[in-house]
């Protein structure tokens, strides 16, 4: 496993060879649609996305929920953005931390 994937938990059922592709999909979402990231709690993040990314975000979080069932995603439209809340159990805060760092590094704004 590369250093880029060391935070992927053992409970993830996505085949190892597909993990870099999934990370690239998240990176692309962050680079093209992430406007704001807010840490709500140690176990929760909120991302504000460009609303044009709704179909992409829905597809990605549906697939991610299948392989990493500990994630809880809530997607909702706000006035001018798409709100995506991400929750994890306390045992997976390190995964959320790593995802938050990836998101911050990839933000366009």
C-alpha atoms as a PDB file:
ATOM      1  CA  UNK A   1       0.000   0.000   0.000  1.00  0.00           C
ATOM      2  CA  UNK A   2       1.399   3.413  -0.905  1.00  0.00           C
ATOM      3  CA  UNK A   3       1.849   6.183   1.654  1.00  0.00           C
ATOM      4  CA  UNK A   4      -1.129   7.879   0.032  1.00  0.00           C
ATOM      5  CA  UNK A   5      -3.356   5.040   1.222  1.00  0.00           C
ATOM      6  CA  UNK A   6      -1.941   4.256   4.664  1.00  0.00           C
ATOM      7  CA  UNK A   7      -4.972   5.849   6.328  1.00  0.00           C
ATOM      8  CA  UNK A   8      -7.439   3.608   4.470  1.00  0.00           C
ATOM      9  CA  UNK A   9      -8.966   1.425   7.196  1.00  0.00           C
ATOM     10  CA  UNK A  10      -8.872  -2.356   7.135  1.00  0.00           C
ATOM     11  CA  UNK A  11     -12.679  -2.328   7.073  1.00  0.00           C
ATOM     12  CA  UNK A  12     -12.652  -0.830   3.562  1.00  0.00           C
ATOM     13  CA  UNK A  13     -13.878  -3.473   1.116  1.00  0.00           C
ATOM     14  CA  UNK A  14     -12.768  -1.650  -2.033  1.00  0.00           C
ATOM     15  CA  UNK A  15     -10.122  -3.794  -3.769  1.00  0.00           C
ATOM     16  CA  UNK A  16      -6.635  -2.358  -3.229  1.00  0.00           C
ATOM     17  CA  UNK A  17      -6.020  -1.813  -6.937  1.00  0.00           C
ATOM     18  CA  UNK A  18      -9.153   0.369  -7.173  1.00  0.00           C
ATOM     19  CA  UNK A  19      -8.275   2.609  -4.212  1.00  0.00           C
ATOM     20  CA  UNK A  20      -6.000   5.013  -6.145  1.00  0.00           C
ATOM     21  CA  UNK A  21      -8.813   5.521  -8.659  1.00  0.00           C
ATOM     22  CA  UNK A  22     -11.307   6.328  -5.887  1.00  0.00           C
ATOM     23  CA  UNK A  23      -8.856   8.763  -4.285  1.00  0.00           C
ATOM     24  CA  UNK A  24      -8.430  10.414  -7.676  1.00  0.00           C
ATOM     25  CA  UNK A  25     -12.214  10.790  -7.931  1.00  0.00           C
ATOM     26  CA  UNK A  26     -12.323  12.537  -4.550  1.00  0.00           C
ATOM     27  CA  UNK A  27      -9.346  14.692  -5.535  1.00  0.00           C
ATOM     28  CA  UNK A  28     -11.147  15.691  -8.729  1.00  0.00           C
ATOM     29  CA  UNK A  29     -14.310  16.577  -6.795  1.00  0.00           C
ATOM     30  CA  UNK A  30     -12.275  18.684  -4.378  1.00  0.00           C
ATOM     31  CA  UNK A  31     -10.390  20.434  -7.195  1.00  0.00           C
ATOM     32  CA  UNK A  32     -13.431  21.192  -9.314  1.00  0.00           C
ATOM     33  CA  UNK A  33     -16.294  21.689  -6.876  1.00  0.00           C
ATOM     34  CA  UNK A  34     -15.216  22.166  -3.250  1.00  0.00           C
ATOM     35  CA  UNK A  35     -15.805  25.753  -2.185  1.00  0.00           C
ATOM     36  CA  UNK A  36     -15.628  25.574   1.627  1.00  0.00           C
ATOM     37  CA  UNK A  37     -14.664  22.964   4.183  1.00  0.00           C
ATOM     38  CA  UNK A  38     -15.778  23.253   7.803  1.00  0.00           C
ATOM     39  CA  UNK A  39     -14.950  20.917  10.677  1.00  0.00           C
ATOM     40  CA  UNK A  40     -18.185  20.515  12.627  1.00  0.00           C
ATOM     41  CA  UNK A  41     -16.783  18.181  15.279  1.00  0.00           C
ATOM     42  CA  UNK A  42     -13.971  15.640  15.645  1.00  0.00           C
ATOM     43  CA  UNK A  43     -16.197  13.158  13.810  1.00  0.00           C
ATOM     44  CA  UNK A  44     -17.902  15.504  11.352  1.00  0.00           C
ATOM     45  CA  UNK A  45     -17.058  17.598   8.308  1.00  0.00           C
ATOM     46  CA  UNK A  46     -19.154  19.849   6.125  1.00  0.00           C
ATOM     47  CA  UNK A  47     -18.240  20.507   2.530  1.00  0.00           C
ATOM     48  CA  UNK A  48     -19.904  23.202   0.474  1.00  0.00           C
ATOM     49  CA  UNK A  49     -19.796  22.223  -3.181  1.00  0.00           C
ATOM     50  CA  UNK A  50     -20.639  23.872  -6.448  1.00  0.00           C
ATOM     51  CA  UNK A  51     -24.222  22.744  -7.120  1.00  0.00           C
ATOM     52  CA  UNK A  52     -23.302  21.623 -10.635  1.00  0.00           C
ATOM     53  CA  UNK A  53     -21.379  18.740  -9.031  1.00  0.00           C
ATOM     54  CA  UNK A  54     -24.478  17.162  -7.477  1.00  0.00           C
ATOM     55  CA  UNK A  55     -24.676  14.121  -9.775  1.00  0.00           C
ATOM     56  CA  UNK A  56     -20.959  13.441  -9.394  1.00  0.00           C
ATOM     57  CA  UNK A  57     -21.099  13.838  -5.617  1.00  0.00           C
ATOM     58  CA  UNK A  58     -24.165  11.587  -5.287  1.00  0.00           C
ATOM     59  CA  UNK A  59     -22.549   8.855  -7.362  1.00  0.00           C
ATOM     60  CA  UNK A  60     -19.244   9.061  -5.489  1.00  0.00           C
ATOM     61  CA  UNK A  61     -20.726   8.996  -1.987  1.00  0.00           C
ATOM     62  CA  UNK A  62     -23.067   6.137  -2.922  1.00  0.00           C
ATOM     63  CA  UNK A  63     -20.114   4.038  -4.049  1.00  0.00           C
ATOM     64  CA  UNK A  64     -17.987   5.075  -1.070  1.00  0.00           C
ATOM     65  CA  UNK A  65     -20.773   4.116   1.334  1.00  0.00           C
ATOM     66  CA  UNK A  66     -20.727   0.607  -0.144  1.00  0.00           C
ATOM     67  CA  UNK A  67     -17.047  -0.054   0.548  1.00  0.00           C
ATOM     68  CA  UNK A  68     -16.620   1.998   3.729  1.00  0.00           C
ATOM     69  CA  UNK A  69     -19.922   1.568   5.527  1.00  0.00           C
ATOM     70  CA  UNK A  70     -18.728   3.543   8.554  1.00  0.00           C
ATOM     71  CA  UNK A  71     -19.153   6.793   6.575  1.00  0.00           C
ATOM     72  CA  UNK A  72     -22.425   8.664   6.876  1.00  0.00           C
ATOM     73  CA  UNK A  73     -23.018  11.182   4.083  1.00  0.00           C
ATOM     74  CA  UNK A  74     -25.847  13.721   3.975  1.00  0.00           C
ATOM     75  CA  UNK A  75     -26.265  15.735   0.801  1.00  0.00           C
ATOM     76  CA  UNK A  76     -28.617  18.726   0.659  1.00  0.00           C
ATOM     77  CA  UNK A  77     -29.096  21.755  -1.548  1.00  0.00           C
ATOM     78  CA  UNK A  78     -28.729  25.138   0.095  1.00  0.00           C
ATOM     79  CA  UNK A  79     -29.494  28.504  -1.485  1.00  0.00           C
ATOM     80  CA  UNK A  80     -26.371  28.713  -3.634  1.00  0.00           C
ATOM     81  CA  UNK A  81     -24.296  25.652  -2.721  1.00  0.00           C
ATOM     82  CA  UNK A  82     -24.607  21.944  -2.232  1.00  0.00           C
ATOM     83  CA  UNK A  83     -23.991  20.907   1.399  1.00  0.00           C
ATOM     84  CA  UNK A  84     -22.325  17.561   1.987  1.00  0.00           C
ATOM     85  CA  UNK A  85     -21.980  16.500   5.622  1.00  0.00           C
ATOM     86  CA  UNK A  86     -19.622  13.620   6.382  1.00  0.00           C
ATOM     87  CA  UNK A  87     -19.768  11.755   9.703  1.00  0.00           C
ATOM     88  CA  UNK A  88     -17.681   8.876  11.024  1.00  0.00           C
ATOM     89  CA  UNK A  89     -17.614   6.969  14.312  1.00  0.00           C
ATOM     90  CA  UNK A  90     -14.884   8.023  16.759  1.00  0.00           C
ATOM     91  CA  UNK A  91     -12.834   4.955  15.810  1.00  0.00           C
ATOM     92  CA  UNK A  92     -12.413   6.387  12.288  1.00  0.00           C
ATOM     93  CA  UNK A  93     -11.489   9.997  13.070  1.00  0.00           C
ATOM     94  CA  UNK A  94      -8.058   9.404  11.510  1.00  0.00           C
ATOM     95  CA  UNK A  95      -9.741   8.568   8.197  1.00  0.00           C
ATOM     96  CA  UNK A  96     -11.815  11.751   8.379  1.00  0.00           C
ATOM     97  CA  UNK A  97      -8.700  13.760   9.273  1.00  0.00           C
ATOM     98  CA  UNK A  98      -6.865  12.402   6.226  1.00  0.00           C
ATOM     99  CA  UNK A  99      -9.838  13.118   3.976  1.00  0.00           C
ATOM    100  CA  UNK A 100     -10.048  16.672   5.335  1.00  0.00           C
ATOM    101  CA  UNK A 101      -6.357  17.220   4.558  1.00  0.00           C
ATOM    102  CA  UNK A 102      -6.848  15.916   1.001  1.00  0.00           C
ATOM    103  CA  UNK A 103      -9.841  18.187   0.568  1.00  0.00           C
ATOM    104  CA  UNK A 104      -7.994  21.255   1.870  1.00  0.00           C
ATOM    105  CA  UNK A 105      -5.037  20.547  -0.404  1.00  0.00           C
ATOM    106  CA  UNK A 106      -7.293  20.172  -3.429  1.00  0.00           C
ATOM    107  CA  UNK A 107      -9.681  23.096  -2.965  1.00  0.00           C
ATOM    108  CA  UNK A 108      -9.907  25.473  -5.895  1.00  0.00           C
ATOM    109  CA  UNK A 109     -10.753  28.571  -3.836  1.00  0.00           C
END
